[in-house]
Protein backbone atom coordinates (compact mmCIF):
# COMPACT_ATOMS: atom_id res chain seq x y z
CA UNK A 1 114.80 98.23 9.02
CA UNK A 2 117.29 100.16 6.89
CA UNK A 3 118.87 103.08 8.80
CA UNK A 4 120.75 106.04 7.30
CA UNK A 5 124.00 107.05 8.99
CA UNK A 6 125.00 110.34 7.33
CA UNK A 7 124.01 112.90 4.71
CA UNK A 8 124.77 110.63 1.74
CA UNK A 9 122.84 107.64 3.06
CA UNK A 10 119.90 109.82 4.09
CA UNK A 11 119.76 111.24 0.58
CA UNK A 12 120.07 107.72 -0.85
CA UNK A 13 117.00 106.59 1.10
CA UNK A 14 115.16 109.79 0.18
CA UNK A 15 115.76 109.10 -3.51
CA UNK A 16 115.60 105.27 -3.66
CA UNK A 17 114.20 103.98 -0.38
CA UNK A 18 111.09 102.60 -2.06
CA UNK A 19 113.30 100.41 -4.25
CA UNK A 20 115.03 98.63 -1.36
CA UNK A 21 112.25 96.12 -0.80
CA UNK A 22 112.57 96.57 2.97
CA UNK A 23 111.22 99.01 5.56
CA UNK A 24 113.48 102.00 6.16
CA UNK A 25 113.77 104.76 8.75
CA UNK A 26 111.64 107.86 8.00
CA UNK A 27 113.49 110.41 5.86
CA UNK A 28 112.41 113.60 4.05
CA UNK A 29 111.84 113.62 0.33
CA UNK A 30 114.90 114.31 -1.83
CA UNK A 31 113.96 117.87 -2.76
CA UNK A 32 113.39 118.82 0.88
CA UNK A 33 116.64 117.18 1.97
CA UNK A 34 118.64 119.06 -0.67
CA UNK A 35 117.08 122.39 0.32
CA UNK A 36 117.89 121.96 4.02
CA UNK A 37 121.25 120.15 3.92
CA UNK A 38 122.90 122.96 1.96
CA UNK A 39 123.77 125.88 4.27
CA UNK A 40 123.23 128.49 1.58
CA UNK A 41 119.85 127.11 0.53
CA UNK A 42 118.81 126.71 4.17
CA UNK A 43 119.49 130.41 4.78
CA UNK A 44 117.17 131.15 1.86
CA UNK A 45 114.48 128.85 3.28
CA UNK A 46 114.69 130.70 6.60
CA UNK A 47 114.33 134.06 4.86
CA UNK A 48 111.34 132.84 2.86
CA UNK A 49 109.56 131.40 5.92
CA UNK A 50 110.39 134.27 8.25
CA UNK A 51 112.78 132.34 10.50
CA UNK A 52 115.48 134.52 12.07
CA UNK A 53 118.78 133.97 10.25
CA UNK A 54 122.02 136.02 10.20
CA UNK A 55 123.02 137.92 7.07
CA UNK A 56 124.40 135.21 4.77
CA UNK A 57 126.24 135.47 1.44
CA UNK A 58 127.79 132.97 -0.94
CA UNK A 59 131.07 133.20 -2.87
CA UNK A 60 132.80 130.72 -5.15
CA UNK A 61 136.31 131.62 -3.97
CA UNK A 62 138.09 133.92 -1.52
CA UNK A 63 139.14 136.00 -4.52
CA UNK A 64 135.46 136.58 -5.32
CA UNK A 65 134.83 137.62 -1.73
CA UNK A 66 137.73 140.10 -1.82
CA UNK A 67 136.57 141.56 -5.16
CA UNK A 68 133.03 142.04 -3.91
CA UNK A 69 132.15 145.76 -3.76
CA UNK A 70 130.80 145.32 -0.23
CA UNK A 71 133.89 143.52 1.06
CA UNK A 72 135.27 146.69 2.63
CA UNK A 73 132.03 147.16 4.56
CA UNK A 74 131.90 143.65 6.05
CA UNK A 75 131.24 143.66 9.77
CA UNK A 76 133.55 141.56 11.89
CA UNK A 77 133.64 139.06 13.38
CA UNK A 78 132.13 136.88 10.67
CA UNK A 79 131.96 133.15 9.96
CA UNK A 80 133.32 131.36 6.89
CA UNK A 81 132.15 127.80 6.23
CA UNK A 82 131.46 125.29 3.44
CA UNK A 83 127.97 124.82 2.06
CA UNK A 84 127.61 121.08 2.57
CA UNK A 85 130.10 119.58 5.01
CA UNK A 86 129.41 118.29 8.50
CA UNK A 87 131.13 118.03 11.87
CA UNK A 88 132.21 121.68 11.90
CA UNK A 89 134.75 121.02 9.13
CA UNK A 90 136.07 124.22 7.57
CA UNK A 91 134.20 126.60 9.88
CA UNK A 92 136.29 129.65 10.78
CA UNK A 93 135.59 132.76 12.81
CA UNK A 94 137.31 135.78 11.25
CA UNK A 95 137.81 138.77 13.54
CA UNK A 96 139.28 141.31 11.11
CA UNK A 97 139.84 141.94 7.40
CA UNK A 98 143.55 141.19 7.86
CA UNK A 99 142.64 137.70 9.13
CA UNK A 100 140.80 136.72 5.95
CA UNK A 101 142.59 133.68 4.45
CA UNK A 102 144.01 133.82 0.95
CA UNK A 103 142.53 130.44 0.00
CA UNK A 104 140.25 127.78 1.42
CA UNK A 105 140.18 124.06 0.67
CA UNK A 106 136.50 124.05 -0.26
CA UNK A 107 134.07 125.81 -2.55
CA UNK A 108 131.62 127.51 -2.48
CA UNK A 109 132.25 129.67 0.59
CA UNK A 110 129.39 130.70 2.85
CA UNK A 111 130.01 134.01 4.61
CA UNK A 112 127.71 134.62 7.57
CA UNK A 113 127.45 137.35 10.18
CA UNK A 114 128.61 136.21 13.61
CA UNK A 115 125.91 136.07 16.29
CA UNK A 116 127.28 136.66 19.81
CA UNK A 117 125.87 134.68 22.71
CA UNK A 118 125.39 130.98 23.41
CA UNK A 119 124.96 128.02 21.09
CA UNK A 120 121.83 125.89 21.34
CA UNK A 121 120.92 122.63 19.60
CA UNK A 122 117.35 121.53 18.89
CA UNK A 123 116.29 118.19 17.39
CA UNK A 124 112.92 116.86 16.32
CA UNK A 125 111.37 113.63 15.08
CA UNK A 126 108.58 114.37 12.62
CA UNK A 127 105.85 112.63 10.68
CA UNK A 128 104.11 114.26 7.70
CA UNK A 129 104.86 117.76 8.96
CA UNK A 130 103.99 117.16 12.62
CA UNK A 131 106.59 117.09 15.39
CA UNK A 132 106.41 113.78 17.23
CA UNK A 133 109.28 114.18 19.74
CA UNK A 134 111.85 116.88 20.50
CA UNK A 135 115.04 117.47 22.44
CA UNK A 136 117.00 120.70 22.91
CA UNK A 137 120.11 121.47 24.91
CA UNK A 138 122.84 124.02 25.52
CA UNK A 139 126.51 123.60 26.30
CA UNK A 140 128.64 125.51 28.79
CA UNK A 141 132.21 125.08 30.01
CA UNK A 142 131.03 122.87 32.88
CA UNK A 143 127.90 121.05 31.77
CA UNK A 144 125.36 120.12 29.17
CA UNK A 145 121.78 121.04 30.05
CA UNK A 146 118.46 120.22 28.46
CA UNK A 147 116.39 123.34 27.81
CA UNK A 148 113.13 124.46 26.23
CA UNK A 149 112.96 127.61 24.11
CA UNK A 150 109.39 128.16 22.85
CA UNK A 151 110.54 130.51 20.07
CA UNK A 152 112.82 127.83 18.60
CA UNK A 153 110.06 125.22 18.76
CA UNK A 154 107.59 127.60 17.09
CA UNK A 155 109.91 128.41 14.19
CA UNK A 156 110.89 124.75 13.78
CA UNK A 157 107.23 123.73 13.72
CA UNK A 158 106.54 126.17 10.89
CA UNK A 159 109.41 124.84 8.79
CA UNK A 160 108.48 121.20 9.48
CA UNK A 161 104.85 121.85 8.54
CA UNK A 162 105.84 123.73 5.37
CA UNK A 163 107.82 120.76 4.03
CA UNK A 164 105.52 118.10 5.52
CA UNK A 165 108.76 116.79 6.93
CA UNK A 166 109.40 113.11 7.76
CA UNK A 167 112.23 111.84 9.99
CA UNK A 168 114.74 113.54 12.26
CA UNK A 169 115.84 117.14 11.84
CA UNK A 170 118.16 119.30 13.93
CA UNK A 171 119.04 122.97 14.09
CA UNK A 172 122.09 124.84 15.34
CA UNK A 173 120.83 128.05 16.90
CA UNK A 174 122.57 131.04 18.46
CA UNK A 175 120.91 133.02 21.27
CA UNK A 176 122.06 136.58 21.91
CA UNK A 177 122.42 137.92 25.46
CA UNK A 178 119.12 139.79 24.97
CA UNK A 179 117.32 136.51 24.18
CA UNK A 180 117.00 136.98 20.41
CA UNK A 181 117.71 133.79 18.44
CA UNK A 182 119.11 133.05 14.98
CA UNK A 183 119.05 129.78 13.05
CA UNK A 184 122.56 128.96 11.82
CA UNK A 185 122.43 125.51 10.22
CA UNK A 186 120.10 122.58 9.65
CA UNK A 187 120.83 118.84 9.91
CA UNK A 188 118.05 116.90 8.11
CA UNK A 189 119.53 113.58 9.25
CA UNK A 190 121.02 111.68 12.17
CA UNK A 191 123.53 113.79 14.11
CA UNK A 192 126.75 113.22 16.04
CA UNK A 193 125.34 113.61 19.54
CA UNK A 194 122.29 111.35 19.45
CA UNK A 195 123.55 109.61 22.58
CA UNK A 196 122.84 112.81 24.54
CA UNK A 197 119.10 112.51 23.91
CA UNK A 198 119.30 108.76 24.53
CA UNK A 199 120.80 109.34 27.98
CA UNK A 200 117.87 111.62 28.73
CA UNK A 201 115.51 108.77 27.84
CA UNK A 202 114.65 109.82 24.28
CA UNK A 203 116.00 107.28 21.78
CA UNK A 204 115.38 108.83 18.36
CA UNK A 205 116.38 105.65 16.52
CA UNK A 206 113.83 103.49 18.35
CA UNK A 207 111.14 106.17 18.10
CA UNK A 208 111.64 106.56 14.35
CA UNK A 209 111.38 102.81 13.86
CA UNK A 210 108.16 102.81 15.87
CA UNK A 211 106.80 105.62 13.72
CA UNK A 212 107.51 103.61 10.58
CA UNK A 213 105.75 100.62 12.14
CA UNK A 214 102.75 102.71 13.23
CA UNK A 215 103.32 102.38 16.98
CA UNK A 216 102.51 104.92 19.70
CA UNK A 217 104.39 107.90 21.04
CA UNK A 218 107.22 108.18 23.58
CA UNK A 219 106.96 108.66 27.29
CA UNK A 220 108.05 112.01 28.69
CA UNK A 221 111.69 112.12 29.83
CA UNK A 222 113.15 113.91 32.84
CA UNK A 223 115.13 117.09 32.30
CA UNK A 224 118.75 116.29 31.49
CA UNK A 225 121.80 117.92 33.03
CA UNK A 226 125.27 116.40 32.67
CA UNK A 227 128.43 117.90 34.13
CA UNK A 228 131.77 117.74 32.33
CA UNK A 229 133.83 114.51 32.73
CA UNK A 230 136.34 116.23 35.02
CA UNK A 231 133.60 117.37 37.38
CA UNK A 232 131.94 113.97 37.28
CA UNK A 233 135.20 112.23 38.18
CA UNK A 234 135.52 114.58 41.13
CA UNK A 235 132.23 113.21 42.47
CA UNK A 236 132.93 109.50 42.08
CA UNK A 237 133.50 109.20 45.84
CA UNK A 238 130.13 110.87 46.45
CA UNK A 239 127.88 109.05 43.96
CA UNK A 240 124.72 110.24 45.71
CA UNK A 241 125.42 113.66 44.20
CA UNK A 242 125.07 112.28 40.65
CA UNK A 243 121.71 112.52 38.95
CA UNK A 244 120.15 109.73 36.89
CA UNK A 245 121.48 111.05 33.58
CA UNK A 246 125.02 111.44 34.94
CA UNK A 247 125.05 107.88 36.25
CA UNK A 248 123.83 106.67 32.85
CA UNK A 249 126.48 108.79 31.17
CA UNK A 250 129.26 107.28 33.28
CA UNK A 251 128.05 103.77 32.47
CA UNK A 252 128.05 104.76 28.81
CA UNK A 253 131.57 106.15 28.59
CA UNK A 254 133.27 103.40 30.67
CA UNK A 255 132.38 100.93 27.93
CA UNK A 256 135.33 102.33 25.97
CA UNK A 257 138.28 103.40 28.16
CA UNK A 258 140.10 104.96 25.20
CA UNK A 259 137.24 107.33 24.49
CA UNK A 260 136.93 108.09 28.20
CA UNK A 261 140.64 108.92 28.42
CA UNK A 262 140.32 111.26 25.45
CA UNK A 263 137.35 112.98 27.10
CA UNK A 264 139.41 113.50 30.27
CA UNK A 265 142.26 114.98 28.23
CA UNK A 266 139.92 117.37 26.43
CA UNK A 267 138.41 118.40 29.76
CA UNK A 268 141.89 119.17 31.10
CA UNK A 269 142.53 121.64 28.27
CA UNK A 270 139.20 123.37 28.66
CA UNK A 271 137.05 121.35 26.25
CA UNK A 272 135.01 118.26 26.90
CA UNK A 273 133.41 115.50 24.89
CA UNK A 274 130.79 112.87 25.30
CA UNK A 275 131.79 109.51 23.87
CA UNK A 276 131.09 109.58 20.16
CA UNK A 277 131.10 113.31 19.54
CA UNK A 278 132.31 116.74 20.51
CA UNK A 279 130.21 118.76 22.93
CA UNK A 280 132.17 121.99 23.06
């Protein structure tokens, strides 16, 4: 089974998977992937399908942004980011016009209204436009918690059905204090924090392989809640206070002491990580 590992390899399978002469993990078709992997095009997809999305504009350079007639009426804070990079690279929150950078190392530049509130992540495994499995969570300063937001699932279902989507797809979503949501970005591919769903009992890699092989659906998983590494370490002498997911998480991170040490350091400065990817 050929597995993609990033945007480029997902697109490679989307375009040429049939030529490999071997089974490969489900992926969307090339046109769908290109429409969703680009942040500017994804904002347009959301607008067309009626998904809530912040005001989004595209500029080739910072000079173009500054020359724009509406530049003086921009509402701050706002977000600047590249159109097609991953891992949060290049994303900046700008709080005032004076803080706008002179130049950026990428082009084009996506300028998006900032949505106050909390950040949510929602991921789905799909087959021919039908959602087969899903996992959503939110992050706080002290823990990661699995959640269910029906409005996110409903909007995601409409997009998945529209494209008759195959494979995994994830969304970065912001939820305002009043409960209103906004779709920020789309990841039509594997993502950095797949181990989080795995610890909850939902292995998207295995499930996708089963889909390709025509096997049945997954069993329901328990609700996941994982405290930050610092708080977990504080409970090592009272292991009965750890839930199933936290015990699995500890077994996971102790496999690599270097990663665990880095997570402890990040926790000490107010950020924390799960092995393999940033959580906050």
